[in-house]
Amino acid sequence: MFNNLEIQPKGASVVYWIHKPEHTDMFTQGYIGITKRKARSRWREHYIKAEVRPDLKICKALKKHDDLVFDIIL
């Protein structure tokens, strides 16, 4: 699930949090990332990378859980 409208000026970075719906603490649960790419594109890239790099923790989580949430934090 991709939360938040994509309001990101060109060249601006965003901080995002990928987590399970029941997670409440972004510092101890889920995955925090930073990107200059469009947030929606980065969300898709994580899913594509899950097929190519199944050894990465985030990729394992994406393949295991189908209810993960992608929140833009900043």
Foldseek 3Di string as FASTA:
>chain_A
DEDDDQDAPQQGKWKKFKFAPPDDDRVPGGDIDMDNPGQVVVVVVLQVVLVVCVVDPSSVVVVVDVRIYIGTDD
